[in-house]
């Protein structure tokens, strides 16, 4: 039996994993920068780099999920059949929605960087 990446649950949950990693990296980085007494600009730079990487990864996962969903082919929202195609499209649909929620979450995680004036 050959492994099909499109039917894997790992492909669907990759975006929320990236979101959670972004959360840990951003808050860990900010805590370490402030604990060392560095400038808040250093914290902002690290947050910007982590956010850019997370957005790029989530956008790539979302694009692949959109293609897997194949919505524009038949404009079908229902994927409740027992066929391989319905399972593949369901996983693509769910992956795309999770990527969208993860993108919003990453932006909310990074938004405090706009207001950092100092670590004190």
PDB file of N, CA and C in Angstrom:
ATOM      1  N   UNK A   1       0.853  -1.183   0.000  1.00  0.00           N
ATOM      2  CA  UNK A   1       0.000   0.000   0.000  1.00  0.00           C
ATOM      3  C   UNK A   1       0.893   1.238   0.000  1.00  0.00           C
ATOM      4  N   UNK A   2       0.608   2.145  -0.867  1.00  0.00           N
ATOM      5  CA  UNK A   2       1.404   3.358  -1.014  1.00  0.00           C
ATOM      6  C   UNK A   2       0.803   4.479  -0.161  1.00  0.00           C
ATOM      7  N   UNK A   3       1.673   5.258   0.480  1.00  0.00           N
ATOM      8  CA  UNK A   3       1.237   6.372   1.319  1.00  0.00           C
ATOM      9  C   UNK A   3       0.797   7.529   0.446  1.00  0.00           C
ATOM     10  N   UNK A   4      -0.397   8.030   0.669  1.00  0.00           N
ATOM     11  CA  UNK A   4      -0.920   9.176  -0.075  1.00  0.00           C
ATOM     12  C   UNK A   4      -0.920  10.386   0.859  1.00  0.00           C
ATOM     13  N   UNK A   5      -0.092  11.368   0.545  1.00  0.00           N
ATOM     14  CA  UNK A   5       0.027  12.566   1.369  1.00  0.00           C
ATOM     15  C   UNK A   5      -1.302  13.297   1.493  1.00  0.00           C
ATOM     16  N   UNK A   6      -2.123  13.240   0.470  1.00  0.00           N
ATOM     17  CA  UNK A   6      -3.377  13.985   0.475  1.00  0.00           C
ATOM     18  C   UNK A   6      -4.408  13.384   1.411  1.00  0.00           C
ATOM     19  N   UNK A   7      -4.252  12.123   1.816  1.00  0.00           N
ATOM     20  CA  UNK A   7      -5.208  11.518   2.725  1.00  0.00           C
ATOM     21  C   UNK A   7      -4.680  11.453   4.154  1.00  0.00           C
ATOM     22  N   UNK A   8      -3.572  12.104   4.411  1.00  0.00           N
ATOM     23  CA  UNK A   8      -2.964  12.082   5.733  1.00  0.00           C
ATOM     24  C   UNK A   8      -3.536  13.193   6.612  1.00  0.00           C
ATOM     25  N   UNK A   9      -3.744  12.863   7.865  1.00  0.00           N
ATOM     26  CA  UNK A   9      -4.207  13.875   8.814  1.00  0.00           C
ATOM     27  C   UNK A   9      -3.104  14.852   9.172  1.00  0.00           C
ATOM     28  N   UNK A  10      -1.843  14.455   9.033  1.00  0.00           N
ATOM     29  CA  UNK A  10      -0.731  15.355   9.325  1.00  0.00           C
ATOM     30  C   UNK A  10      -0.754  16.565   8.404  1.00  0.00           C
ATOM     31  N   UNK A  11      -1.143  16.342   7.167  1.00  0.00           N
ATOM     32  CA  UNK A  11      -1.230  17.453   6.220  1.00  0.00           C
ATOM     33  C   UNK A  11      -2.308  18.449   6.670  1.00  0.00           C
ATOM     34  N   UNK A  12      -3.375  17.926   7.258  1.00  0.00           N
ATOM     35  CA  UNK A  12      -4.471  18.786   7.672  1.00  0.00           C
ATOM     36  C   UNK A  12      -4.112  19.599   8.911  1.00  0.00           C
ATOM     37  N   UNK A  13      -3.331  19.026   9.835  1.00  0.00           N
ATOM     38  CA  UNK A  13      -3.061  19.725  11.095  1.00  0.00           C
ATOM     39  C   UNK A  13      -1.711  20.440  11.094  1.00  0.00           C
ATOM     40  N   UNK A  14      -1.060  20.534   9.968  1.00  0.00           N
ATOM     41  CA  UNK A  14       0.248  21.197   9.909  1.00  0.00           C
ATOM     42  C   UNK A  14       0.140  22.687  10.237  1.00  0.00           C
ATOM     43  N   UNK A  15      -0.908  23.347   9.771  1.00  0.00           N
ATOM     44  CA  UNK A  15      -1.059  24.787  10.028  1.00  0.00           C
ATOM     45  C   UNK A  15      -1.286  25.078  11.520  1.00  0.00           C
ATOM     46  N   UNK A  16      -2.176  24.360  12.218  1.00  0.00           N
ATOM     47  CA  UNK A  16      -2.291  24.622  13.658  1.00  0.00           C
ATOM     48  C   UNK A  16      -1.011  24.307  14.434  1.00  0.00           C
ATOM     49  N   UNK A  17      -0.239  23.330  13.969  1.00  0.00           N
ATOM     50  CA  UNK A  17       1.040  23.048  14.618  1.00  0.00           C
ATOM     51  C   UNK A  17       1.988  24.231  14.424  1.00  0.00           C
ATOM     52  N   UNK A  18       2.001  24.798  13.223  1.00  0.00           N
ATOM     53  CA  UNK A  18       2.839  25.979  12.969  1.00  0.00           C
ATOM     54  C   UNK A  18       2.390  27.149  13.842  1.00  0.00           C
ATOM     55  N   UNK A  19       1.104  27.302  14.020  1.00  0.00           N
ATOM     56  CA  UNK A  19       0.572  28.366  14.883  1.00  0.00           C
ATOM     57  C   UNK A  19       1.051  28.175  16.323  1.00  0.00           C
ATOM     58  N   UNK A  20       0.957  26.947  16.837  1.00  0.00           N
ATOM     59  CA  UNK A  20       1.377  26.704  18.218  1.00  0.00           C
ATOM     60  C   UNK A  20       2.884  26.888  18.380  1.00  0.00           C
ATOM     61  N   UNK A  21       3.661  26.477  17.392  1.00  0.00           N
ATOM     62  CA  UNK A  21       5.101  26.703  17.449  1.00  0.00           C
ATOM     63  C   UNK A  21       5.426  28.192  17.408  1.00  0.00           C
ATOM     64  N   UNK A  22       4.697  28.932  16.581  1.00  0.00           N
ATOM     65  CA  UNK A  22       4.879  30.376  16.509  1.00  0.00           C
ATOM     66  C   UNK A  22       4.588  31.007  17.864  1.00  0.00           C
ATOM     67  N   UNK A  23       3.527  30.581  18.498  1.00  0.00           N
ATOM     68  CA  UNK A  23       3.171  31.104  19.816  1.00  0.00           C
ATOM     69  C   UNK A  23       4.312  30.886  20.808  1.00  0.00           C
ATOM     70  N   UNK A  24       4.829  29.656  20.857  1.00  0.00           N
ATOM     71  CA  UNK A  24       5.916  29.335  21.798  1.00  0.00           C
ATOM     72  C   UNK A  24       7.180  30.126  21.484  1.00  0.00           C
ATOM     73  N   UNK A  25       7.526  30.219  20.207  1.00  0.00           N
ATOM     74  CA  UNK A  25       8.744  30.931  19.819  1.00  0.00           C
ATOM     75  C   UNK A  25       8.630  32.417  20.133  1.00  0.00           C
ATOM     76  N   UNK A  26       7.514  33.029  19.792  1.00  0.00           N
ATOM     77  CA  UNK A  26       7.349  34.471  19.994  1.00  0.00           C
ATOM     78  C   UNK A  26       7.389  34.835  21.479  1.00  0.00           C
ATOM     79  N   UNK A  27       6.631  34.115  22.285  1.00  0.00           N
ATOM     80  CA  UNK A  27       6.607  34.463  23.695  1.00  0.00           C
ATOM     81  C   UNK A  27       7.890  34.056  24.406  1.00  0.00           C
ATOM     82  N   UNK A  28       8.501  32.962  24.002  1.00  0.00           N
ATOM     83  CA  UNK A  28       9.799  32.587  24.559  1.00  0.00           C
ATOM     84  C   UNK A  28      10.884  33.576  24.181  1.00  0.00           C
ATOM     85  N   UNK A  29      10.886  34.003  22.924  1.00  0.00           N
ATOM     86  CA  UNK A  29      11.865  34.984  22.456  1.00  0.00           C
ATOM     87  C   UNK A  29      11.699  36.311  23.193  1.00  0.00           C
ATOM     88  N   UNK A  30      10.477  36.769  23.311  1.00  0.00           N
ATOM     89  CA  UNK A  30      10.227  38.040  23.985  1.00  0.00           C
ATOM     90  C   UNK A  30      10.640  37.968  25.454  1.00  0.00           C
ATOM     91  N   UNK A  31      10.336  36.865  26.108  1.00  0.00           N
ATOM     92  CA  UNK A  31      10.720  36.720  27.514  1.00  0.00           C
ATOM     93  C   UNK A  31      12.239  36.706  27.671  1.00  0.00           C
ATOM     94  N   UNK A  32      12.927  36.017  26.775  1.00  0.00           N
ATOM     95  CA  UNK A  32      14.390  35.960  26.901  1.00  0.00           C
ATOM     96  C   UNK A  32      15.041  37.303  26.566  1.00  0.00           C
ATOM     97  N   UNK A  33      14.505  38.010  25.583  1.00  0.00           N
ATOM     98  CA  UNK A  33      15.042  39.326  25.237  1.00  0.00           C
ATOM     99  C   UNK A  33      14.845  40.297  26.401  1.00  0.00           C
ATOM    100  N   UNK A  34      13.671  40.297  26.983  1.00  0.00           N
ATOM    101  CA  UNK A  34      13.396  41.225  28.089  1.00  0.00           C
ATOM    102  C   UNK A  34      14.158  40.839  29.348  1.00  0.00           C
ATOM    103  N   UNK A  35      14.351  39.545  29.574  1.00  0.00           N
ATOM    104  CA  UNK A  35      15.102  39.115  30.755  1.00  0.00           C
ATOM    105  C   UNK A  35      16.574  39.517  30.660  1.00  0.00           C
ATOM    106  N   UNK A  36      17.090  39.588  29.461  1.00  0.00           N
ATOM    107  CA  UNK A  36      18.489  39.977  29.277  1.00  0.00           C
ATOM    108  C   UNK A  36      18.674  41.487  29.238  1.00  0.00           C
ATOM    109  N   UNK A  37      17.581  42.230  29.208  1.00  0.00           N
ATOM    110  CA  UNK A  37      17.667  43.686  29.201  1.00  0.00           C
ATOM    111  C   UNK A  37      17.973  44.277  27.837  1.00  0.00           C
ATOM    112  N   UNK A  38      17.735  43.523  26.781  1.00  0.00           N
ATOM    113  CA  UNK A  38      17.987  44.026  25.430  1.00  0.00           C
ATOM    114  C   UNK A  38      16.907  45.020  25.025  1.00  0.00           C
ATOM    115  N   UNK A  39      17.128  45.652  23.906  1.00  0.00           N
ATOM    116  CA  UNK A  39      16.202  46.649  23.377  1.00  0.00           C
ATOM    117  C   UNK A  39      14.916  45.975  22.876  1.00  0.00           C
ATOM    118  N   UNK A  40      13.798  46.694  22.995  1.00  0.00           N
ATOM    119  CA  UNK A  40      12.522  46.168  22.513  1.00  0.00           C
ATOM    120  C   UNK A  40      12.519  46.002  20.997  1.00  0.00           C
ATOM    121  N   UNK A  41      13.370  46.748  20.307  1.00  0.00           N
ATOM    122  CA  UNK A  41      13.479  46.579  18.860  1.00  0.00           C
ATOM    123  C   UNK A  41      13.988  45.199  18.482  1.00  0.00           C
ATOM    124  N   UNK A  42      14.831  44.620  19.317  1.00  0.00           N
ATOM    125  CA  UNK A  42      15.310  43.258  19.090  1.00  0.00           C
ATOM    126  C   UNK A  42      14.159  42.271  19.213  1.00  0.00           C
ATOM    127  N   UNK A  43      13.296  42.491  20.194  1.00  0.00           N
ATOM    128  CA  UNK A  43      12.117  41.634  20.357  1.00  0.00           C
ATOM    129  C   UNK A  43      11.214  41.752  19.138  1.00  0.00           C
ATOM    130  N   UNK A  44      11.000  42.978  18.666  1.00  0.00           N
ATOM    131  CA  UNK A  44      10.156  43.183  17.488  1.00  0.00           C
ATOM    132  C   UNK A  44      10.729  42.498  16.249  1.00  0.00           C
ATOM    133  N   UNK A  45      12.041  42.587  16.079  1.00  0.00           N
ATOM    134  CA  UNK A  45      12.682  41.961  14.927  1.00  0.00           C
ATOM    135  C   UNK A  45      12.505  40.444  14.960  1.00  0.00           C
ATOM    136  N   UNK A  46      12.711  39.844  16.108  1.00  0.00           N
ATOM    137  CA  UNK A  46      12.520  38.395  16.235  1.00  0.00           C
ATOM    138  C   UNK A  46      11.080  37.990  15.985  1.00  0.00           C
ATOM    139  N   UNK A  47      10.152  38.769  16.502  1.00  0.00           N
ATOM    140  CA  UNK A  47       8.735  38.487  16.283  1.00  0.00           C
ATOM    141  C   UNK A  47       8.396  38.617  14.801  1.00  0.00           C
ATOM    142  N   UNK A  48       8.942  39.617  14.135  1.00  0.00           N
ATOM    143  CA  UNK A  48       8.673  39.805  12.701  1.00  0.00           C
ATOM    144  C   UNK A  48       9.220  38.644  11.881  1.00  0.00           C
ATOM    145  N   UNK A  49      10.413  38.180  12.208  1.00  0.00           N
ATOM    146  CA  UNK A  49      10.995  37.055  11.473  1.00  0.00           C
ATOM    147  C   UNK A  49      10.176  35.789  11.695  1.00  0.00           C
ATOM    148  N   UNK A  50       9.841  35.497  12.955  1.00  0.00           N
ATOM    149  CA  UNK A  50       9.048  34.298  13.261  1.00  0.00           C
ATOM    150  C   UNK A  50       7.677  34.365  12.601  1.00  0.00           C
ATOM    151  N   UNK A  51       7.087  35.550  12.603  1.00  0.00           N
ATOM    152  CA  UNK A  51       5.759  35.714  12.001  1.00  0.00           C
ATOM    153  C   UNK A  51       5.823  35.547  10.491  1.00  0.00           C
ATOM    154  N   UNK A  52       6.835  36.108   9.866  1.00  0.00           N
ATOM    155  CA  UNK A  52       6.978  35.947   8.421  1.00  0.00           C
ATOM    156  C   UNK A  52       7.153  34.493   8.020  1.00  0.00           C
ATOM    157  N   UNK A  53       7.969  33.764   8.762  1.00  0.00           N
ATOM    158  CA  UNK A  53       8.162  32.347   8.466  1.00  0.00           C
ATOM    159  C   UNK A  53       6.874  31.553   8.674  1.00  0.00           C
ATOM    160  N   UNK A  54       6.173  31.837   9.774  1.00  0.00           N
ATOM    161  CA  UNK A  54       4.926  31.122  10.047  1.00  0.00           C
ATOM    162  C   UNK A  54       3.865  31.423   8.995  1.00  0.00           C
ATOM    163  N   UNK A  55       3.756  32.674   8.585  1.00  0.00           N
ATOM    164  CA  UNK A  55       2.771  33.038   7.565  1.00  0.00           C
ATOM    165  C   UNK A  55       3.098  32.362   6.241  1.00  0.00           C
ATOM    166  N   UNK A  56       4.367  32.333   5.877  1.00  0.00           N
ATOM    167  CA  UNK A  56       4.754  31.681   4.626  1.00  0.00           C
ATOM    168  C   UNK A  56       4.423  30.192   4.663  1.00  0.00           C
ATOM    169  N   UNK A  57       4.730  29.529   5.773  1.00  0.00           N
ATOM    170  CA  UNK A  57       4.450  28.102   5.889  1.00  0.00           C
ATOM    171  C   UNK A  57       2.948  27.835   5.871  1.00  0.00           C
ATOM    172  N   UNK A  58       2.187  28.620   6.625  1.00  0.00           N
ATOM    173  CA  UNK A  58       0.738  28.426   6.675  1.00  0.00           C
ATOM    174  C   UNK A  58       0.097  28.735   5.331  1.00  0.00           C
ATOM    175  N   UNK A  59       0.594  29.743   4.636  1.00  0.00           N
ATOM    176  CA  UNK A  59       0.063  30.051   3.306  1.00  0.00           C
ATOM    177  C   UNK A  59       0.321  28.899   2.338  1.00  0.00           C
ATOM    178  N   UNK A  60       1.492  28.294   2.408  1.00  0.00           N
ATOM    179  CA  UNK A  60       1.792  27.152   1.533  1.00  0.00           C
ATOM    180  C   UNK A  60       0.888  25.971   1.863  1.00  0.00           C
ATOM    181  N   UNK A  61       0.701  25.688   3.137  1.00  0.00           N
ATOM    182  CA  UNK A  61      -0.192  24.599   3.542  1.00  0.00           C
ATOM    183  C   UNK A  61      -1.627  24.916   3.107  1.00  0.00           C
ATOM    184  N   UNK A  62      -2.059  26.151   3.289  1.00  0.00           N
ATOM    185  CA  UNK A  62      -3.407  26.543   2.886  1.00  0.00           C
ATOM    186  C   UNK A  62      -3.617  26.429   1.390  1.00  0.00           C
ATOM    187  N   UNK A  63      -2.600  26.789   0.608  1.00  0.00           N
ATOM    188  CA  UNK A  63      -2.706  26.682  -0.841  1.00  0.00           C
ATOM    189  C   UNK A  63      -2.830  25.222  -1.280  1.00  0.00           C
ATOM    190  N   UNK A  64      -2.038  24.354  -0.674  1.00  0.00           N
ATOM    191  CA  UNK A  64      -2.127  22.930  -1.011  1.00  0.00           C
ATOM    192  C   UNK A  64      -3.482  22.347  -0.588  1.00  0.00           C
ATOM    193  N   UNK A  65      -3.985  22.789   0.566  1.00  0.00           N
ATOM    194  CA  UNK A  65      -5.296  22.322   1.019  1.00  0.00           C
ATOM    195  C   UNK A  65      -6.402  22.827   0.091  1.00  0.00           C
ATOM    196  N   UNK A  66      -6.276  24.067  -0.390  1.00  0.00           N
ATOM    197  CA  UNK A  66      -7.269  24.615  -1.321  1.00  0.00           C
ATOM    198  C   UNK A  66      -7.296  23.792  -2.609  1.00  0.00           C
ATOM    199  N   UNK A  67      -6.118  23.461  -3.100  1.00  0.00           N
ATOM    200  CA  UNK A  67      -6.055  22.645  -4.315  1.00  0.00           C
ATOM    201  C   UNK A  67      -6.618  21.250  -4.067  1.00  0.00           C
ATOM    202  N   UNK A  68      -6.370  20.702  -2.897  1.00  0.00           N
ATOM    203  CA  UNK A  68      -6.886  19.371  -2.569  1.00  0.00           C
ATOM    204  C   UNK A  68      -8.404  19.399  -2.420  1.00  0.00           C
ATOM    205  N   UNK A  69      -8.938  20.471  -1.864  1.00  0.00           N
ATOM    206  CA  UNK A  69     -10.383  20.601  -1.705  1.00  0.00           C
ATOM    207  C   UNK A  69     -11.051  20.608  -3.069  1.00  0.00           C
ATOM    208  N   UNK A  70     -10.439  21.273  -4.025  1.00  0.00           N
ATOM    209  CA  UNK A  70     -10.925  21.293  -5.408  1.00  0.00           C
ATOM    210  C   UNK A  70     -12.347  21.847  -5.489  1.00  0.00           C
ATOM    211  N   UNK A  71     -12.599  22.908  -4.746  1.00  0.00           N
ATOM    212  CA  UNK A  71     -13.933  23.498  -4.688  1.00  0.00           C
ATOM    213  C   UNK A  71     -14.362  24.082  -6.028  1.00  0.00           C
ATOM    214  N   UNK A  72     -13.472  24.718  -6.734  1.00  0.00           N
ATOM    215  CA  UNK A  72     -13.842  25.380  -7.979  1.00  0.00           C
ATOM    216  C   UNK A  72     -14.184  24.393  -9.094  1.00  0.00           C
ATOM    217  N   UNK A  73     -13.848  23.131  -8.892  1.00  0.00           N
ATOM    218  CA  UNK A  73     -14.172  22.119  -9.896  1.00  0.00           C
ATOM    219  C   UNK A  73     -15.667  21.820  -9.933  1.00  0.00           C
ATOM    220  N   UNK A  74     -16.284  21.657  -8.758  1.00  0.00           N
ATOM    221  CA  UNK A  74     -17.698  21.281  -8.724  1.00  0.00           C
ATOM    222  C   UNK A  74     -18.536  22.108  -7.738  1.00  0.00           C
ATOM    223  N   UNK A  75     -17.935  23.099  -7.071  1.00  0.00           N
ATOM    224  CA  UNK A  75     -18.621  23.964  -6.099  1.00  0.00           C
ATOM    225  C   UNK A  75     -19.397  23.130  -5.076  1.00  0.00           C
ATOM    226  N   UNK A  76     -18.754  22.096  -4.567  1.00  0.00           N
ATOM    227  CA  UNK A  76     -19.397  21.151  -3.673  1.00  0.00           C
ATOM    228  C   UNK A  76     -18.901  21.352  -2.252  1.00  0.00           C
ATOM    229  N   UNK A  77     -19.844  21.617  -1.334  1.00  0.00           N
ATOM    230  CA  UNK A  77     -19.505  21.750   0.077  1.00  0.00           C
ATOM    231  C   UNK A  77     -19.698  20.436   0.840  1.00  0.00           C
ATOM    232  N   UNK A  78     -20.430  19.500   0.269  1.00  0.00           N
ATOM    233  CA  UNK A  78     -20.733  18.263   0.976  1.00  0.00           C
ATOM    234  C   UNK A  78     -19.740  17.179   0.585  1.00  0.00           C
ATOM    235  N   UNK A  79     -19.157  16.586   1.624  1.00  0.00           N
ATOM    236  CA  UNK A  79     -18.176  15.526   1.418  1.00  0.00           C
ATOM    237  C   UNK A  79     -18.493  14.383   2.365  1.00  0.00           C
ATOM    238  N   UNK A  80     -19.731  13.925   2.340  1.00  0.00           N
ATOM    239  CA  UNK A  80     -20.163  12.922   3.305  1.00  0.00           C
ATOM    240  C   UNK A  80     -20.280  11.517   2.728  1.00  0.00           C
ATOM    241  N   UNK A  81     -19.840  11.337   1.523  1.00  0.00           N
ATOM    242  CA  UNK A  81     -19.909  10.016   0.906  1.00  0.00           C
ATOM    243  C   UNK A  81     -18.746   9.127   1.326  1.00  0.00           C
ATOM    244  N   UNK A  82     -18.867   7.839   1.080  1.00  0.00           N
ATOM    245  CA  UNK A  82     -17.809   6.901   1.467  1.00  0.00           C
ATOM    246  C   UNK A  82     -16.700   6.765   0.417  1.00  0.00           C
ATOM    247  N   UNK A  83     -16.662   7.658  -0.541  1.00  0.00           N
ATOM    248  CA  UNK A  83     -15.685   7.513  -1.621  1.00  0.00           C
ATOM    249  C   UNK A  83     -14.341   8.132  -1.249  1.00  0.00           C
ATOM    250  N   UNK A  84     -13.321   7.741  -1.964  1.00  0.00           N
ATOM    251  CA  UNK A  84     -11.982   8.285  -1.763  1.00  0.00           C
ATOM    252  C   UNK A  84     -11.963   9.770  -2.103  1.00  0.00           C
ATOM    253  N   UNK A  85     -12.693  10.165  -3.134  1.00  0.00           N
ATOM    254  CA  UNK A  85     -12.741  11.574  -3.526  1.00  0.00           C
ATOM    255  C   UNK A  85     -13.367  12.434  -2.437  1.00  0.00           C
ATOM    256  N   UNK A  86     -14.455  11.960  -1.810  1.00  0.00           N
ATOM    257  CA  UNK A  86     -15.085  12.730  -0.728  1.00  0.00           C
ATOM    258  C   UNK A  86     -14.155  12.870   0.464  1.00  0.00           C
ATOM    259  N   UNK A  87     -13.415  11.812   0.782  1.00  0.00           N
ATOM    260  CA  UNK A  87     -12.470  11.890   1.904  1.00  0.00           C
ATOM    261  C   UNK A  87     -11.359  12.887   1.588  1.00  0.00           C
ATOM    262  N   UNK A  88     -10.831  12.828   0.387  1.00  0.00           N
ATOM    263  CA  UNK A  88      -9.758  13.734  -0.016  1.00  0.00           C
ATOM    264  C   UNK A  88     -10.239  15.177   0.017  1.00  0.00           C
ATOM    265  N   UNK A  89     -11.426  15.443  -0.518  1.00  0.00           N
ATOM    266  CA  UNK A  89     -11.948  16.808  -0.529  1.00  0.00           C
ATOM    267  C   UNK A  89     -12.300  17.290   0.877  1.00  0.00           C
ATOM    268  N   UNK A  90     -12.786  16.385   1.738  1.00  0.00           N
ATOM    269  CA  UNK A  90     -13.068  16.778   3.119  1.00  0.00           C
ATOM    270  C   UNK A  90     -11.785  17.186   3.837  1.00  0.00           C
ATOM    271  N   UNK A  91     -10.744  16.393   3.678  1.00  0.00           N
ATOM    272  CA  UNK A  91      -9.475  16.727   4.323  1.00  0.00           C
ATOM    273  C   UNK A  91      -8.906  18.037   3.777  1.00  0.00           C
ATOM    274  N   UNK A  92      -9.067  18.287   2.485  1.00  0.00           N
ATOM    275  CA  UNK A  92      -8.634  19.555   1.913  1.00  0.00           C
ATOM    276  C   UNK A  92      -9.437  20.730   2.451  1.00  0.00           C
ATOM    277  N   UNK A  93     -10.753  20.544   2.553  1.00  0.00           N
ATOM    278  CA  UNK A  93     -11.624  21.601   3.071  1.00  0.00           C
ATOM    279  C   UNK A  93     -11.272  21.914   4.533  1.00  0.00           C
ATOM    280  N   UNK A  94     -11.158  20.875   5.339  1.00  0.00           N
ATOM    281  CA  UNK A  94     -10.818  21.071   6.746  1.00  0.00           C
ATOM    282  C   UNK A  94      -9.420  21.681   6.894  1.00  0.00           C
ATOM    283  N   UNK A  95      -8.486  21.231   6.087  1.00  0.00           N
ATOM    284  CA  UNK A  95      -7.134  21.784   6.138  1.00  0.00           C
ATOM    285  C   UNK A  95      -7.102  23.250   5.756  1.00  0.00           C
ATOM    286  N   UNK A  96      -7.903  23.621   4.746  1.00  0.00           N
ATOM    287  CA  UNK A  96      -7.946  25.023   4.323  1.00  0.00           C
ATOM    288  C   UNK A  96      -8.538  25.896   5.430  1.00  0.00           C
ATOM    289  N   UNK A  97      -9.610  25.431   6.067  1.00  0.00           N
ATOM    290  CA  UNK A  97     -10.216  26.203   7.149  1.00  0.00           C
ATOM    291  C   UNK A  97      -9.277  26.315   8.350  1.00  0.00           C
ATOM    292  N   UNK A  98      -8.574  25.228   8.662  1.00  0.00           N
ATOM    293  CA  UNK A  98      -7.611  25.282   9.757  1.00  0.00           C
ATOM    294  C   UNK A  98      -6.443  26.209   9.434  1.00  0.00           C
ATOM    295  N   UNK A  99      -6.041  26.249   8.172  1.00  0.00           N
ATOM    296  CA  UNK A  99      -4.975  27.175   7.775  1.00  0.00           C
ATOM    297  C   UNK A  99      -5.442  28.622   7.927  1.00  0.00           C
ATOM    298  N   UNK A 100      -6.685  28.886   7.584  1.00  0.00           N
ATOM    299  CA  UNK A 100      -7.227  30.234   7.720  1.00  0.00           C
ATOM    300  C   UNK A 100      -7.282  30.658   9.193  1.00  0.00           C
ATOM    301  N   UNK A 101      -7.773  29.780  10.053  1.00  0.00           N
ATOM    302  CA  UNK A 101      -7.828  30.081  11.485  1.00  0.00           C
ATOM    303  C   UNK A 101      -6.417  30.243  12.046  1.00  0.00           C
ATOM    304  N   UNK A 102      -5.491  29.415  11.598  1.00  0.00           N
ATOM    305  CA  UNK A 102      -4.104  29.498  12.072  1.00  0.00           C
ATOM    306  C   UNK A 102      -3.449  30.798  11.642  1.00  0.00           C
ATOM    307  N   UNK A 103      -3.745  31.252  10.439  1.00  0.00           N
ATOM    308  CA  UNK A 103      -3.207  32.530   9.967  1.00  0.00           C
ATOM    309  C   UNK A 103      -3.700  33.680  10.837  1.00  0.00           C
ATOM    310  N   UNK A 104      -4.975  33.669  11.153  1.00  0.00           N
ATOM    311  CA  UNK A 104      -5.534  34.701  12.035  1.00  0.00           C
ATOM    312  C   UNK A 104      -4.887  34.614  13.415  1.00  0.00           C
ATOM    313  N   UNK A 105      -4.692  33.411  13.916  1.00  0.00           N
ATOM    314  CA  UNK A 105      -4.056  33.229  15.218  1.00  0.00           C
ATOM    315  C   UNK A 105      -2.628  33.743  15.245  1.00  0.00           C
ATOM    316  N   UNK A 106      -1.878  33.496  14.187  1.00  0.00           N
ATOM    317  CA  UNK A 106      -0.502  33.991  14.114  1.00  0.00           C
ATOM    318  C   UNK A 106      -0.486  35.513  14.114  1.00  0.00           C
ATOM    319  N   UNK A 107      -1.398  36.116  13.383  1.00  0.00           N
ATOM    320  CA  UNK A 107      -1.454  37.581  13.360  1.00  0.00           C
ATOM    321  C   UNK A 107      -1.813  38.145  14.735  1.00  0.00           C
ATOM    322  N   UNK A 108      -2.721  37.485  15.452  1.00  0.00           N
ATOM    323  CA  UNK A 108      -3.050  37.928  16.803  1.00  0.00           C
ATOM    324  C   UNK A 108      -1.884  37.715  17.758  1.00  0.00           C
ATOM    325  N   UNK A 109      -1.148  36.605  17.591  1.00  0.00           N
ATOM    326  CA  UNK A 109       0.030  36.376  18.433  1.00  0.00           C
ATOM    327  C   UNK A 109       1.085  37.456  18.226  1.00  0.00           C
ATOM    328  N   UNK A 110       1.206  37.931  17.008  1.00  0.00           N
ATOM    329  CA  UNK A 110       2.242  38.905  16.692  1.00  0.00           C
ATOM    330  C   UNK A 110       1.806  40.343  16.963  1.00  0.00           C
ATOM    331  N   UNK A 111       0.533  40.584  17.146  1.00  0.00           N
ATOM    332  CA  UNK A 111       0.046  41.961  17.289  1.00  0.00           C
ATOM    333  C   UNK A 111       0.611  42.712  18.489  1.00  0.00           C
ATOM    334  N   UNK A 112       0.939  42.092  19.618  1.00  0.00           N
ATOM    335  CA  UNK A 112       1.544  42.877  20.706  1.00  0.00           C
ATOM    336  C   UNK A 112       2.873  43.527  20.322  1.00  0.00           C
ATOM    337  N   UNK A 113       3.543  42.998  19.306  1.00  0.00           N
ATOM    338  CA  UNK A 113       4.813  43.599  18.873  1.00  0.00           C
ATOM    339  C   UNK A 113       4.606  45.021  18.367  1.00  0.00           C
ATOM    340  N   UNK A 114       3.406  45.327  17.925  1.00  0.00           N
ATOM    341  CA  UNK A 114       3.121  46.687  17.465  1.00  0.00           C
ATOM    342  C   UNK A 114       3.100  47.691  18.616  1.00  0.00           C
ATOM    343  N   UNK A 115       2.891  47.190  19.832  1.00  0.00           N
ATOM    344  CA  UNK A 115       2.716  48.078  20.983  1.00  0.00           C
ATOM    345  C   UNK A 115       3.880  48.033  21.958  1.00  0.00           C
ATOM    346  N   UNK A 116       4.884  47.215  21.683  1.00  0.00           N
ATOM    347  CA  UNK A 116       6.019  47.114  22.605  1.00  0.00           C
ATOM    348  C   UNK A 116       6.821  48.417  22.543  1.00  0.00           C
ATOM    349  N   UNK A 117       6.937  49.066  23.690  1.00  0.00           N
ATOM    350  CA  UNK A 117       7.808  50.245  23.748  1.00  0.00           C
ATOM    351  C   UNK A 117       9.035  49.955  24.596  1.00  0.00           C
ATOM    352  N   UNK A 118       8.858  49.107  25.589  1.00  0.00           N
ATOM    353  CA  UNK A 118       9.998  48.672  26.406  1.00  0.00           C
ATOM    354  C   UNK A 118       9.587  47.370  27.095  1.00  0.00           C
ATOM    355  N   UNK A 119      10.553  46.722  27.680  1.00  0.00           N
ATOM    356  CA  UNK A 119      10.270  45.467  28.377  1.00  0.00           C
ATOM    357  C   UNK A 119       9.851  45.677  29.828  1.00  0.00           C
ATOM    358  N   UNK A 120       9.925  46.886  30.281  1.00  0.00           N
ATOM    359  CA  UNK A 120       9.600  47.163  31.688  1.00  0.00           C
ATOM    360  C   UNK A 120       8.138  47.459  31.847  1.00  0.00           C
TER     361      UNK A 120
END
